[in-house]
Amino acid sequence: MRNPPRVVLPSPKVGPLESVMRRVALAALLLLAVVLLVYVDRGGYNDTSDGSLDLLDCVYYATVTISTTGYGDITPVSDTARLVNIVVITPLRILFLIILVGTTLEVLAERTREDFRRNRWRHRVRDHYVVIGYGTKGRSAIASLRDSGVESERIVVVDSDRAAVAEAASDGLVAVIGDATRSWVLRQAAVHRAKVIVISAQRDDTAVLITLTARELNPSASIQASVREAENVPLLRQSGADHVVTSSEAAGRLLGVAAHQPNVSEVIEDLLIQGTNLDLEERDVRPHEIGRSIREADEPAVSLVRDGGLLPYDAAACAELRAGDRLIVVVSNNRRQGAKP
């Protein structure tokens, strides 16, 4: 029988010692509250031993009362004392008992709370980013998304490794445990409502199968996939991937550039990492740029996106920018920071 996928939502971590100390502190506060209440109105109580209450008697009464032991040697006799017992001390006694059995109740409450959070998340999540695989490539892709301004709440991780899912949850991400080649696992990540799907599987054949499944569930999402071997790129594209990155080949080319032109290699690495000195950014052509050449854009432009096609900056069509065009430009983060007030 297959194991159902489980959605893991990020949550703050509380250690067992801290949890116990919190309960002890709360129980002590409840006990202290009862002691103060009894001591303030100690004239309304009767002690069978000497008829009056001192501070030690108040502590004794509070202890045996709040723990439901109740020996009966000290009793409330005035109307005020009895009213305080009914309205205040009895609820505190119940709360004290809840703290004593807090471990069991906490587990039940945690399950109920987690079920509620999952159901609410499933109903609300849409136009999000699904990253399949939380290995080196998946974590790097998420880091780039975050650096580009994508909130962590809009990123969902899918991985079959429980340790990877636990790490993703500790990083503040929603994560799903399960085999991403299964459609019912991807549905748990709401792939059918996702905006972008990033596939960073360890094996190329797994990436192909995941792409096929994801495209079937969501015909309109943008699917970005990575493969190790360039010969598998056509398979990914036929399976429904919009863009395929060849990880091993890209790394090899970067090594070759570094060996021959180390400064060029540093610039390429800089462009790959969002938030450093230089970034590549895609934006709409601004109204005052319409009619100009791509070389006259506000920032250095390397490509033009027109009618779904990508044109290099020196193409003849780039001589005149049109409304609806998009530019891929190089922006300086140092300039951005300097422009901030």
C-alpha atoms as a PDB file:
ATOM      1  CA  MET A   1       0.000   0.000   0.000  1.00  0.00           C
ATOM      2  CA  ARG A   2       1.397   3.383  -1.006  1.00  0.00           C
ATOM      3  CA  ASN A   3       2.253   5.926   1.651  1.00  0.00           C
ATOM      4  CA  PRO A   4       0.233   9.118   1.233  1.00  0.00           C
ATOM      5  CA  PRO A   5       2.229  12.308   0.666  1.00  0.00           C
ATOM      6  CA  ARG A   6       2.365  14.707   3.555  1.00  0.00           C
ATOM      7  CA  VAL A   7       2.466  18.476   3.401  1.00  0.00           C
ATOM      8  CA  VAL A   8       4.922  19.956   5.912  1.00  0.00           C
ATOM      9  CA  LEU A   9       4.359  23.614   6.764  1.00  0.00           C
ATOM     10  CA  PRO A  10       7.103  25.745   8.294  1.00  0.00           C
ATOM     11  CA  SER A  11       6.706  26.285  12.027  1.00  0.00           C
ATOM     12  CA  PRO A  12       8.844  27.641  14.868  1.00  0.00           C
ATOM     13  CA  LYS A  13      10.942  25.043  16.660  1.00  0.00           C
ATOM     14  CA  VAL A  14      10.563  24.672  20.439  1.00  0.00           C
ATOM     15  CA  GLY A  15      12.896  22.313  22.279  1.00  0.00           C
ATOM     16  CA  PRO A  16      11.554  19.778  24.802  1.00  0.00           C
ATOM     17  CA  LEU A  17      13.310  21.450  27.746  1.00  0.00           C
ATOM     18  CA  GLU A  18      11.925  24.841  26.772  1.00  0.00           C
ATOM     19  CA  SER A  19       8.445  23.353  26.442  1.00  0.00           C
ATOM     20  CA  VAL A  20       8.637  21.756  29.904  1.00  0.00           C
ATOM     21  CA  MET A  21       9.964  24.950  31.478  1.00  0.00           C
ATOM     22  CA  ARG A  22       7.134  26.943  29.946  1.00  0.00           C
ATOM     23  CA  ARG A  23       4.592  24.573  31.487  1.00  0.00           C
ATOM     24  CA  VAL A  24       6.294  24.668  34.868  1.00  0.00           C
ATOM     25  CA  ALA A  25       6.360  28.465  34.784  1.00  0.00           C
ATOM     26  CA  LEU A  26       2.677  28.644  33.837  1.00  0.00           C
ATOM     27  CA  ALA A  27       1.713  26.159  36.585  1.00  0.00           C
ATOM     28  CA  ALA A  28       3.708  28.197  39.115  1.00  0.00           C
ATOM     29  CA  LEU A  29       1.927  31.383  38.025  1.00  0.00           C
ATOM     30  CA  LEU A  30      -1.470  29.708  38.461  1.00  0.00           C
ATOM     31  CA  LEU A  31      -0.497  28.490  41.929  1.00  0.00           C
ATOM     32  CA  LEU A  32       0.761  31.941  42.870  1.00  0.00           C
ATOM     33  CA  ALA A  33      -2.476  33.519  41.645  1.00  0.00           C
ATOM     34  CA  VAL A  34      -4.539  31.231  43.892  1.00  0.00           C
ATOM     35  CA  VAL A  35      -2.259  31.936  46.866  1.00  0.00           C
ATOM     36  CA  LEU A  36      -2.721  35.688  46.410  1.00  0.00           C
ATOM     37  CA  LEU A  37      -6.478  35.384  46.039  1.00  0.00           C
ATOM     38  CA  VAL A  38      -6.789  33.338  49.226  1.00  0.00           C
ATOM     39  CA  TYR A  39      -4.352  35.499  51.172  1.00  0.00           C
ATOM     40  CA  VAL A  40      -6.160  38.734  50.276  1.00  0.00           C
ATOM     41  CA  ASP A  41      -9.441  37.249  51.497  1.00  0.00           C
ATOM     42  CA  ARG A  42      -8.004  34.993  54.219  1.00  0.00           C
ATOM     43  CA  GLY A  43     -10.614  36.212  56.689  1.00  0.00           C
ATOM     44  CA  GLY A  44     -13.262  34.406  54.644  1.00  0.00           C
ATOM     45  CA  TYR A  45     -11.682  30.993  55.238  1.00  0.00           C
ATOM     46  CA  ASN A  46     -11.765  28.713  58.252  1.00  0.00           C
ATOM     47  CA  ASP A  47      -8.890  26.518  59.388  1.00  0.00           C
ATOM     48  CA  THR A  48     -10.060  23.662  61.609  1.00  0.00           C
ATOM     49  CA  SER A  49      -6.710  23.652  63.433  1.00  0.00           C
ATOM     50  CA  ASP A  50      -6.576  27.258  64.704  1.00  0.00           C
ATOM     51  CA  GLY A  51      -9.399  29.083  62.928  1.00  0.00           C
ATOM     52  CA  SER A  52      -7.204  31.588  61.033  1.00  0.00           C
ATOM     53  CA  LEU A  53      -4.930  31.530  57.977  1.00  0.00           C
ATOM     54  CA  ASP A  54      -1.377  32.760  57.617  1.00  0.00           C
ATOM     55  CA  LEU A  55       0.694  32.824  54.398  1.00  0.00           C
ATOM     56  CA  LEU A  56       1.807  29.209  54.811  1.00  0.00           C
ATOM     57  CA  ASP A  57      -1.813  28.126  55.251  1.00  0.00           C
ATOM     58  CA  CYS A  58      -2.734  29.990  52.059  1.00  0.00           C
ATOM     59  CA  VAL A  59       0.030  28.238  50.132  1.00  0.00           C
ATOM     60  CA  TYR A  60      -1.088  24.892  51.577  1.00  0.00           C
ATOM     61  CA  TYR A  61      -4.732  25.517  50.670  1.00  0.00           C
ATOM     62  CA  ALA A  62      -3.833  26.640  47.153  1.00  0.00           C
ATOM     63  CA  THR A  63      -1.674  23.556  46.615  1.00  0.00           C
ATOM     64  CA  VAL A  64      -4.213  20.957  47.749  1.00  0.00           C
ATOM     65  CA  THR A  65      -7.088  22.786  46.061  1.00  0.00           C
ATOM     66  CA  ILE A  66      -5.551  23.380  42.649  1.00  0.00           C
ATOM     67  CA  SER A  67      -4.294  19.781  42.544  1.00  0.00           C
ATOM     68  CA  THR A  68      -7.862  18.574  43.397  1.00  0.00           C
ATOM     69  CA  THR A  69      -6.633  16.793  46.547  1.00  0.00           C
ATOM     70  CA  GLY A  70      -8.865  18.793  48.882  1.00  0.00           C
ATOM     71  CA  TYR A  71      -8.452  17.500  52.482  1.00  0.00           C
ATOM     72  CA  GLY A  72     -11.212  19.764  53.776  1.00  0.00           C
ATOM     73  CA  ASP A  73      -9.287  21.142  56.777  1.00  0.00           C
ATOM     74  CA  ILE A  74      -9.415  24.660  55.264  1.00  0.00           C
ATOM     75  CA  THR A  75     -12.726  25.763  53.766  1.00  0.00           C
ATOM     76  CA  PRO A  76     -14.225  28.993  52.415  1.00  0.00           C
ATOM     77  CA  VAL A  77     -16.968  30.203  54.764  1.00  0.00           C
ATOM     78  CA  SER A  78     -17.796  33.743  53.600  1.00  0.00           C
ATOM     79  CA  ASP A  79     -19.892  34.486  50.528  1.00  0.00           C
ATOM     80  CA  THR A  80     -17.006  36.361  48.926  1.00  0.00           C
ATOM     81  CA  ALA A  81     -14.569  33.468  49.409  1.00  0.00           C
ATOM     82  CA  ARG A  82     -17.059  30.972  48.004  1.00  0.00           C
ATOM     83  CA  LEU A  83     -17.783  33.221  44.993  1.00  0.00           C
ATOM     84  CA  VAL A  84     -14.054  33.554  44.289  1.00  0.00           C
ATOM     85  CA  ASN A  85     -13.730  29.763  44.476  1.00  0.00           C
ATOM     86  CA  ILE A  86     -16.556  29.319  41.988  1.00  0.00           C
ATOM     87  CA  VAL A  87     -15.618  32.044  39.518  1.00  0.00           C
ATOM     88  CA  VAL A  88     -11.808  32.097  39.700  1.00  0.00           C
ATOM     89  CA  ILE A  89     -10.216  29.203  41.561  1.00  0.00           C
ATOM     90  CA  THR A  90     -12.241  26.430  39.917  1.00  0.00           C
ATOM     91  CA  PRO A  91     -11.319  27.564  36.353  1.00  0.00           C
ATOM     92  CA  LEU A  92      -7.688  27.855  37.463  1.00  0.00           C
ATOM     93  CA  ARG A  93      -7.889  24.326  38.834  1.00  0.00           C
ATOM     94  CA  ILE A  94      -9.139  23.078  35.467  1.00  0.00           C
ATOM     95  CA  LEU A  95      -6.371  24.961  33.661  1.00  0.00           C
ATOM     96  CA  PHE A  96      -3.820  23.476  36.054  1.00  0.00           C
ATOM     97  CA  LEU A  97      -5.063  19.970  35.213  1.00  0.00           C
ATOM     98  CA  ILE A  98      -4.774  20.761  31.521  1.00  0.00           C
ATOM     99  CA  ILE A  99      -1.138  21.693  32.057  1.00  0.00           C
ATOM    100  CA  LEU A 100      -0.511  18.409  33.890  1.00  0.00           C
ATOM    101  CA  VAL A 101      -1.750  16.406  30.904  1.00  0.00           C
ATOM    102  CA  GLY A 102      -0.350  18.945  28.461  1.00  0.00           C
ATOM    103  CA  THR A 103       1.786  16.475  26.529  1.00  0.00           C
ATOM    104  CA  THR A 104      -1.184  14.482  25.261  1.00  0.00           C
ATOM    105  CA  LEU A 105      -3.292  17.556  24.676  1.00  0.00           C
ATOM    106  CA  GLU A 106      -0.439  19.300  22.881  1.00  0.00           C
ATOM    107  CA  VAL A 107      -0.096  16.396  20.445  1.00  0.00           C
ATOM    108  CA  LEU A 108      -3.843  16.429  19.741  1.00  0.00           C
ATOM    109  CA  ALA A 109      -3.912  20.202  19.432  1.00  0.00           C
ATOM    110  CA  GLU A 110      -0.850  20.179  17.186  1.00  0.00           C
ATOM    111  CA  ARG A 111      -2.462  17.660  14.849  1.00  0.00           C
ATOM    112  CA  THR A 112      -5.679  19.648  14.717  1.00  0.00           C
ATOM    113  CA  ARG A 113      -3.792  22.883  14.128  1.00  0.00           C
ATOM    114  CA  GLU A 114      -1.644  21.335  11.412  1.00  0.00           C
ATOM    115  CA  ASP A 115      -4.712  19.878   9.661  1.00  0.00           C
ATOM    116  CA  PHE A 116      -6.375  23.285   9.788  1.00  0.00           C
ATOM    117  CA  ARG A 117      -3.278  25.033   8.435  1.00  0.00           C
ATOM    118  CA  ARG A 118      -2.916  22.494   5.607  1.00  0.00           C
ATOM    119  CA  ASN A 119      -6.564  22.809   4.581  1.00  0.00           C
ATOM    120  CA  ARG A 120      -6.372  26.602   4.648  1.00  0.00           C
ATOM    121  CA  TRP A 121      -3.133  26.534   2.657  1.00  0.00           C
ATOM    122  CA  ARG A 122      -4.600  24.219   0.002  1.00  0.00           C
ATOM    123  CA  HIS A 123      -7.573  26.518  -0.493  1.00  0.00           C
ATOM    124  CA  ARG A 124      -5.480  29.689  -0.703  1.00  0.00           C
ATOM    125  CA  VAL A 125      -2.348  28.678  -2.626  1.00  0.00           C
ATOM    126  CA  ARG A 126      -2.231  29.569  -6.323  1.00  0.00           C
ATOM    127  CA  ASP A 127       0.176  31.167  -8.818  1.00  0.00           C
ATOM    128  CA  HIS A 128       3.034  29.822  -6.714  1.00  0.00           C
ATOM    129  CA  TYR A 129       6.415  28.260  -7.496  1.00  0.00           C
ATOM    130  CA  VAL A 130       6.897  24.516  -7.141  1.00  0.00           C
ATOM    131  CA  VAL A 131      10.503  23.342  -6.844  1.00  0.00           C
ATOM    132  CA  ILE A 132      10.893  19.590  -7.235  1.00  0.00           C
ATOM    133  CA  GLY A 133      14.071  18.394  -5.572  1.00  0.00           C
ATOM    134  CA  TYR A 134      15.750  20.104  -2.628  1.00  0.00           C
ATOM    135  CA  GLY A 135      19.312  19.202  -3.492  1.00  0.00           C
ATOM    136  CA  THR A 136      22.066  21.587  -4.479  1.00  0.00           C
ATOM    137  CA  LYS A 137      20.298  22.722  -7.656  1.00  0.00           C
ATOM    138  CA  GLY A 138      16.921  23.076  -5.977  1.00  0.00           C
ATOM    139  CA  ARG A 139      18.301  25.109  -3.075  1.00  0.00           C
ATOM    140  CA  SER A 140      20.210  27.360  -5.489  1.00  0.00           C
ATOM    141  CA  ALA A 141      17.068  27.897  -7.566  1.00  0.00           C
ATOM    142  CA  ILE A 142      15.116  28.848  -4.445  1.00  0.00           C
ATOM    143  CA  ALA A 143      17.876  31.222  -3.352  1.00  0.00           C
ATOM    144  CA  SER A 144      17.661  32.953  -6.733  1.00  0.00           C
ATOM    145  CA  LEU A 145      13.872  33.175  -6.479  1.00  0.00           C
ATOM    146  CA  ARG A 146      14.121  34.736  -3.037  1.00  0.00           C
ATOM    147  CA  ASP A 147      16.788  37.170  -4.196  1.00  0.00           C
ATOM    148  CA  SER A 148      14.476  38.144  -7.054  1.00  0.00           C
ATOM    149  CA  GLY A 149      11.747  39.114  -4.599  1.00  0.00           C
ATOM    150  CA  VAL A 150       9.627  35.931  -4.478  1.00  0.00           C
ATOM    151  CA  GLU A 151       8.220  35.444  -0.971  1.00  0.00           C
ATOM    152  CA  SER A 152       8.947  32.163   0.797  1.00  0.00           C
ATOM    153  CA  GLU A 153       5.186  31.626   1.215  1.00  0.00           C
ATOM    154  CA  ARG A 154       4.892  31.298  -2.579  1.00  0.00           C
ATOM    155  CA  ILE A 155       7.496  28.516  -2.855  1.00  0.00           C
ATOM    156  CA  VAL A 156       6.614  24.831  -2.386  1.00  0.00           C
ATOM    157  CA  VAL A 157       9.224  22.076  -2.280  1.00  0.00           C
ATOM    158  CA  VAL A 158       8.582  18.467  -3.297  1.00  0.00           C
ATOM    159  CA  ASP A 159      11.095  15.781  -2.345  1.00  0.00           C
ATOM    160  CA  SER A 160      10.986  12.114  -1.403  1.00  0.00           C
ATOM    161  CA  ASP A 161      13.761  12.521   1.176  1.00  0.00           C
ATOM    162  CA  ARG A 162      12.356  13.271   4.619  1.00  0.00           C
ATOM    163  CA  ALA A 163      15.588  14.933   5.728  1.00  0.00           C
ATOM    164  CA  ALA A 164      15.461  17.290   2.741  1.00  0.00           C
ATOM    165  CA  VAL A 165      11.822  18.118   3.436  1.00  0.00           C
ATOM    166  CA  ALA A 166      12.591  18.786   7.104  1.00  0.00           C
ATOM    167  CA  GLU A 167      15.417  21.102   6.033  1.00  0.00           C
ATOM    168  CA  ALA A 168      13.099  22.936   3.637  1.00  0.00           C
ATOM    169  CA  ALA A 169      10.508  23.404   6.379  1.00  0.00           C
ATOM    170  CA  SER A 170      13.183  24.715   8.752  1.00  0.00           C
ATOM    171  CA  ASP A 171      14.132  27.192   6.015  1.00  0.00           C
ATOM    172  CA  GLY A 172      10.589  28.585   6.098  1.00  0.00           C
ATOM    173  CA  LEU A 173       9.215  26.747   3.062  1.00  0.00           C
ATOM    174  CA  VAL A 174       6.136  24.599   2.567  1.00  0.00           C
ATOM    175  CA  ALA A 175       7.293  21.099   1.625  1.00  0.00           C
ATOM    176  CA  VAL A 176       5.652  17.884   0.432  1.00  0.00           C
ATOM    177  CA  ILE A 177       7.098  14.435   1.113  1.00  0.00           C
ATOM    178  CA  GLY A 178       6.565  12.059  -1.783  1.00  0.00           C
ATOM    179  CA  ASP A 179       7.608  10.771  -5.193  1.00  0.00           C
ATOM    180  CA  ALA A 180       7.166  13.640  -7.646  1.00  0.00           C
ATOM    181  CA  THR A 181       6.621  11.242 -10.542  1.00  0.00           C
ATOM    182  CA  ARG A 182       3.208  10.473  -9.022  1.00  0.00           C
ATOM    183  CA  SER A 183       0.379  12.798  -9.955  1.00  0.00           C
ATOM    184  CA  TRP A 184      -1.286  12.501  -6.549  1.00  0.00           C
ATOM    185  CA  VAL A 185       1.915  13.745  -4.906  1.00  0.00           C
ATOM    186  CA  LEU A 186       2.098  16.767  -7.205  1.00  0.00           C
ATOM    187  CA  ARG A 187      -1.540  17.548  -6.466  1.00  0.00           C
ATOM    188  CA  GLN A 188      -0.616  17.865  -2.803  1.00  0.00           C
ATOM    189  CA  ALA A 189       1.749  20.655  -3.876  1.00  0.00           C
ATOM    190  CA  ALA A 190      -1.116  22.234  -5.885  1.00  0.00           C
ATOM    191  CA  VAL A 191       0.865  21.897  -9.113  1.00  0.00           C
ATOM    192  CA  HIS A 192      -2.363  22.322 -11.066  1.00  0.00           C
ATOM    193  CA  ARG A 193      -2.559  25.919  -9.767  1.00  0.00           C
ATOM    194  CA  ALA A 194       1.161  26.730  -9.915  1.00  0.00           C
ATOM    195  CA  LYS A 195       2.663  29.546 -11.950  1.00  0.00           C
ATOM    196  CA  VAL A 196       6.153  28.075 -12.372  1.00  0.00           C
ATOM    197  CA  ILE A 197       7.435  24.525 -11.899  1.00  0.00           C
ATOM    198  CA  VAL A 198      11.171  23.999 -11.405  1.00  0.00           C
ATOM    199  CA  ILE A 199      12.382  20.420 -11.852  1.00  0.00           C
ATOM    200  CA  SER A 200      15.811  19.620 -10.427  1.00  0.00           C
ATOM    201  CA  ALA A 201      15.748  15.826 -10.251  1.00  0.00           C
ATOM    202  CA  GLN A 202      18.887  13.781  -9.705  1.00  0.00           C
ATOM    203  CA  ARG A 203      18.300  11.603 -12.795  1.00  0.00           C
ATOM    204  CA  ASP A 204      17.401  12.653 -16.331  1.00  0.00           C
ATOM    205  CA  ASP A 205      14.819   9.895 -16.799  1.00  0.00           C
ATOM    206  CA  THR A 206      13.134  10.975 -13.565  1.00  0.00           C
ATOM    207  CA  ALA A 207      13.083  14.577 -14.799  1.00  0.00           C
ATOM    208  CA  VAL A 208      11.372  13.480 -18.017  1.00  0.00           C
ATOM    209  CA  LEU A 209       8.673  11.576 -16.145  1.00  0.00           C
ATOM    210  CA  ILE A 210       8.095  14.437 -13.695  1.00  0.00           C
ATOM    211  CA  THR A 211       7.814  16.891 -16.579  1.00  0.00           C
ATOM    212  CA  LEU A 212       5.224  14.731 -18.328  1.00  0.00           C
ATOM    213  CA  THR A 213       3.180  14.415 -15.138  1.00  0.00           C
ATOM    214  CA  ALA A 214       3.418  18.103 -14.287  1.00  0.00           C
ATOM    215  CA  ARG A 215       2.473  19.204 -17.806  1.00  0.00           C
ATOM    216  CA  GLU A 216      -0.566  16.933 -17.746  1.00  0.00           C
ATOM    217  CA  LEU A 217      -1.719  18.460 -14.477  1.00  0.00           C
ATOM    218  CA  ASN A 218      -1.004  22.052 -15.522  1.00  0.00           C
ATOM    219  CA  PRO A 219      -0.935  22.794 -19.266  1.00  0.00           C
ATOM    220  CA  SER A 220      -0.316  26.526 -18.765  1.00  0.00           C
ATOM    221  CA  ALA A 221       2.464  26.618 -16.146  1.00  0.00           C
ATOM    222  CA  SER A 222       6.021  27.536 -17.064  1.00  0.00           C
ATOM    223  CA  ILE A 223       8.180  24.439 -16.566  1.00  0.00           C
ATOM    224  CA  GLN A 224      11.918  24.883 -16.078  1.00  0.00           C
ATOM    225  CA  ALA A 225      13.945  21.676 -15.909  1.00  0.00           C
ATOM    226  CA  SER A 226      17.560  20.648 -15.588  1.00  0.00           C
ATOM    227  CA  VAL A 227      19.314  17.613 -17.052  1.00  0.00           C
ATOM    228  CA  ARG A 228      22.806  16.251 -16.749  1.00  0.00           C
ATOM    229  CA  GLU A 229      23.310  15.234 -20.378  1.00  0.00           C
ATOM    230  CA  ALA A 230      22.660  17.482 -23.391  1.00  0.00           C
ATOM    231  CA  GLU A 231      21.308  14.557 -25.431  1.00  0.00           C
ATOM    232  CA  ASN A 232      18.264  14.452 -23.124  1.00  0.00           C
ATOM    233  CA  VAL A 233      17.275  18.070 -23.745  1.00  0.00           C
ATOM    234  CA  PRO A 234      14.944  17.199 -26.690  1.00  0.00           C
ATOM    235  CA  LEU A 235      13.177  14.626 -24.506  1.00  0.00           C
ATOM    236  CA  LEU A 236      12.509  17.251 -21.832  1.00  0.00           C
ATOM    237  CA  ARG A 237      11.209  19.709 -24.409  1.00  0.00           C
ATOM    238  CA  GLN A 238       8.934  17.084 -25.987  1.00  0.00           C
ATOM    239  CA  SER A 239       7.687  16.212 -22.502  1.00  0.00           C
ATOM    240  CA  GLY A 240       6.525  19.795 -21.980  1.00  0.00           C
ATOM    241  CA  ALA A 241       9.466  21.724 -20.510  1.00  0.00           C
ATOM    242  CA  ASP A 242       9.611  25.355 -21.611  1.00  0.00           C
ATOM    243  CA  HIS A 243      13.293  25.724 -20.819  1.00  0.00           C
ATOM    244  CA  VAL A 244      15.985  23.142 -20.137  1.00  0.00           C
ATOM    245  CA  VAL A 245      19.334  23.758 -18.462  1.00  0.00           C
ATOM    246  CA  THR A 246      22.147  21.264 -19.010  1.00  0.00           C
ATOM    247  CA  SER A 247      23.895  21.346 -15.665  1.00  0.00           C
ATOM    248  CA  SER A 248      27.021  19.324 -16.463  1.00  0.00           C
ATOM    249  CA  GLU A 249      27.556  20.997 -19.833  1.00  0.00           C
ATOM    250  CA  ALA A 250      27.007  24.478 -18.396  1.00  0.00           C
ATOM    251  CA  ALA A 251      29.504  23.784 -15.625  1.00  0.00           C
ATOM    252  CA  GLY A 252      32.020  22.459 -18.155  1.00  0.00           C
ATOM    253  CA  ARG A 253      31.671  25.534 -20.355  1.00  0.00           C
ATOM    254  CA  LEU A 254      32.122  27.823 -17.365  1.00  0.00           C
ATOM    255  CA  LEU A 255      35.281  25.927 -16.435  1.00  0.00           C
ATOM    256  CA  GLY A 256      36.553  26.346 -19.962  1.00  0.00           C
ATOM    257  CA  VAL A 257      35.868  30.074 -19.878  1.00  0.00           C
ATOM    258  CA  ALA A 258      37.582  30.341 -16.490  1.00  0.00           C
ATOM    259  CA  ALA A 259      40.663  28.591 -17.829  1.00  0.00           C
ATOM    260  CA  HIS A 260      40.901  30.877 -20.852  1.00  0.00           C
ATOM    261  CA  GLN A 261      39.311  34.127 -19.653  1.00  0.00           C
ATOM    262  CA  PRO A 262      39.096  34.146 -15.846  1.00  0.00           C
ATOM    263  CA  ASN A 263      37.699  37.686 -15.639  1.00  0.00           C
ATOM    264  CA  VAL A 264      34.870  36.817 -18.028  1.00  0.00           C
ATOM    265  CA  SER A 265      34.139  33.781 -15.862  1.00  0.00           C
ATOM    266  CA  GLU A 266      33.854  35.990 -12.777  1.00  0.00           C
ATOM    267  CA  VAL A 267      31.370  38.275 -14.544  1.00  0.00           C
ATOM    268  CA  ILE A 268      29.271  35.285 -15.621  1.00  0.00           C
ATOM    269  CA  GLU A 269      29.207  33.939 -12.055  1.00  0.00           C
ATOM    270  CA  ASP A 270      28.267  37.398 -10.812  1.00  0.00           C
ATOM    271  CA  LEU A 271      25.351  37.541 -13.256  1.00  0.00           C
ATOM    272  CA  LEU A 272      24.186  34.089 -12.144  1.00  0.00           C
ATOM    273  CA  ILE A 273      23.906  35.122  -8.498  1.00  0.00           C
ATOM    274  CA  GLN A 274      21.049  37.532  -7.826  1.00  0.00           C
ATOM    275  CA  GLY A 275      21.766  40.421  -5.494  1.00  0.00           C
ATOM    276  CA  THR A 276      25.505  40.730  -6.113  1.00  0.00           C
ATOM    277  CA  ASN A 277      27.237  43.434  -8.154  1.00  0.00           C
ATOM    278  CA  LEU A 278      25.554  42.787 -11.509  1.00  0.00           C
ATOM    279  CA  ASP A 279      22.196  41.183 -12.302  1.00  0.00           C
ATOM    280  CA  LEU A 280      20.299  40.330 -15.461  1.00  0.00           C
ATOM    281  CA  GLU A 281      16.750  41.657 -15.356  1.00  0.00           C
ATOM    282  CA  GLU A 282      13.826  41.348 -17.766  1.00  0.00           C
ATOM    283  CA  ARG A 283      11.537  44.362 -17.990  1.00  0.00           C
ATOM    284  CA  ASP A 284       9.035  46.068 -20.279  1.00  0.00           C
ATOM    285  CA  VAL A 285      10.191  48.734 -22.676  1.00  0.00           C
ATOM    286  CA  ARG A 286       9.472  52.103 -21.073  1.00  0.00           C
ATOM    287  CA  PRO A 287       7.294  54.651 -22.915  1.00  0.00           C
ATOM    288  CA  HIS A 288      10.164  57.066 -23.524  1.00  0.00           C
ATOM    289  CA  GLU A 289      12.275  54.243 -25.015  1.00  0.00           C
ATOM    290  CA  ILE A 290       9.744  53.375 -27.750  1.00  0.00           C
ATOM    291  CA  GLY A 291      11.166  54.265 -31.136  1.00  0.00           C
ATOM    292  CA  ARG A 292      14.739  54.263 -29.918  1.00  0.00           C
ATOM    293  CA  SER A 293      17.415  51.703 -30.655  1.00  0.00           C
ATOM    294  CA  ILE A 294      18.141  49.005 -28.090  1.00  0.00           C
ATOM    295  CA  ARG A 295      21.531  50.652 -27.600  1.00  0.00           C
ATOM    296  CA  GLU A 296      19.739  53.775 -26.318  1.00  0.00           C
ATOM    297  CA  ALA A 297      17.926  51.955 -23.513  1.00  0.00           C
ATOM    298  CA  ASP A 298      18.349  53.260 -19.964  1.00  0.00           C
ATOM    299  CA  GLU A 299      20.488  50.258 -18.985  1.00  0.00           C
ATOM    300  CA  PRO A 300      22.829  48.127 -21.105  1.00  0.00           C
ATOM    301  CA  ALA A 301      20.576  45.654 -22.944  1.00  0.00           C
ATOM    302  CA  VAL A 302      21.779  42.271 -24.182  1.00  0.00           C
ATOM    303  CA  SER A 303      18.583  40.867 -25.727  1.00  0.00           C
ATOM    304  CA  LEU A 304      15.116  41.837 -26.907  1.00  0.00           C
ATOM    305  CA  VAL A 305      11.997  39.726 -26.391  1.00  0.00           C
ATOM    306  CA  ARG A 306       9.450  40.315 -29.166  1.00  0.00           C
ATOM    307  CA  ASP A 307       6.444  38.144 -30.087  1.00  0.00           C
ATOM    308  CA  GLY A 308       7.742  35.332 -27.914  1.00  0.00           C
ATOM    309  CA  GLY A 309      11.130  35.274 -29.623  1.00  0.00           C
ATOM    310  CA  LEU A 310      14.528  36.235 -28.253  1.00  0.00           C
ATOM    311  CA  LEU A 311      16.697  38.556 -30.356  1.00  0.00           C
ATOM    312  CA  PRO A 312      20.346  39.509 -29.675  1.00  0.00           C
ATOM    313  CA  TYR A 313      21.104  43.179 -29.167  1.00  0.00           C
ATOM    314  CA  ASP A 314      22.721  43.506 -32.617  1.00  0.00           C
ATOM    315  CA  ALA A 315      19.782  42.091 -34.606  1.00  0.00           C
ATOM    316  CA  ALA A 316      18.303  44.422 -37.217  1.00  0.00           C
ATOM    317  CA  ALA A 317      14.911  44.348 -35.463  1.00  0.00           C
ATOM    318  CA  CYS A 318      16.498  45.919 -32.375  1.00  0.00           C
ATOM    319  CA  ALA A 319      17.073  49.179 -34.215  1.00  0.00           C
ATOM    320  CA  GLU A 320      13.615  50.365 -33.166  1.00  0.00           C
ATOM    321  CA  LEU A 321      11.912  49.398 -29.915  1.00  0.00           C
ATOM    322  CA  ARG A 322       8.151  48.903 -29.966  1.00  0.00           C
ATOM    323  CA  ALA A 323       5.373  48.950 -27.404  1.00  0.00           C
ATOM    324  CA  GLY A 324       5.008  45.476 -25.897  1.00  0.00           C
ATOM    325  CA  ASP A 325       8.694  44.616 -26.284  1.00  0.00           C
ATOM    326  CA  ARG A 326      10.661  43.405 -23.293  1.00  0.00           C
ATOM    327  CA  LEU A 327      14.333  43.994 -22.658  1.00  0.00           C
ATOM    328  CA  ILE A 328      16.897  41.867 -20.869  1.00  0.00           C
ATOM    329  CA  VAL A 329      19.209  44.386 -19.291  1.00  0.00           C
ATOM    330  CA  VAL A 330      22.223  44.407 -16.997  1.00  0.00           C
ATOM    331  CA  VAL A 331      21.600  46.317 -13.769  1.00  0.00           C
ATOM    332  CA  SER A 332      24.075  47.291 -11.079  1.00  0.00           C
ATOM    333  CA  ASN A 333      23.136  46.606  -7.477  1.00  0.00           C
ATOM    334  CA  ASN A 334      25.699  49.169  -6.336  1.00  0.00           C
ATOM    335  CA  ARG A 335      23.773  51.776  -8.291  1.00  0.00           C
ATOM    336  CA  ARG A 336      20.506  50.601  -6.758  1.00  0.00           C
ATOM    337  CA  GLN A 337      21.881  50.874  -3.248  1.00  0.00           C
ATOM    338  CA  GLY A 338      23.326  54.293  -3.993  1.00  0.00           C
ATOM    339  CA  ALA A 339      19.938  55.488  -5.264  1.00  0.00           C
ATOM    340  CA  LYS A 340      18.225  54.573  -2.017  1.00  0.00           C
ATOM    341  CA  PRO A 341      17.538  57.496   0.367  1.00  0.00           C
END
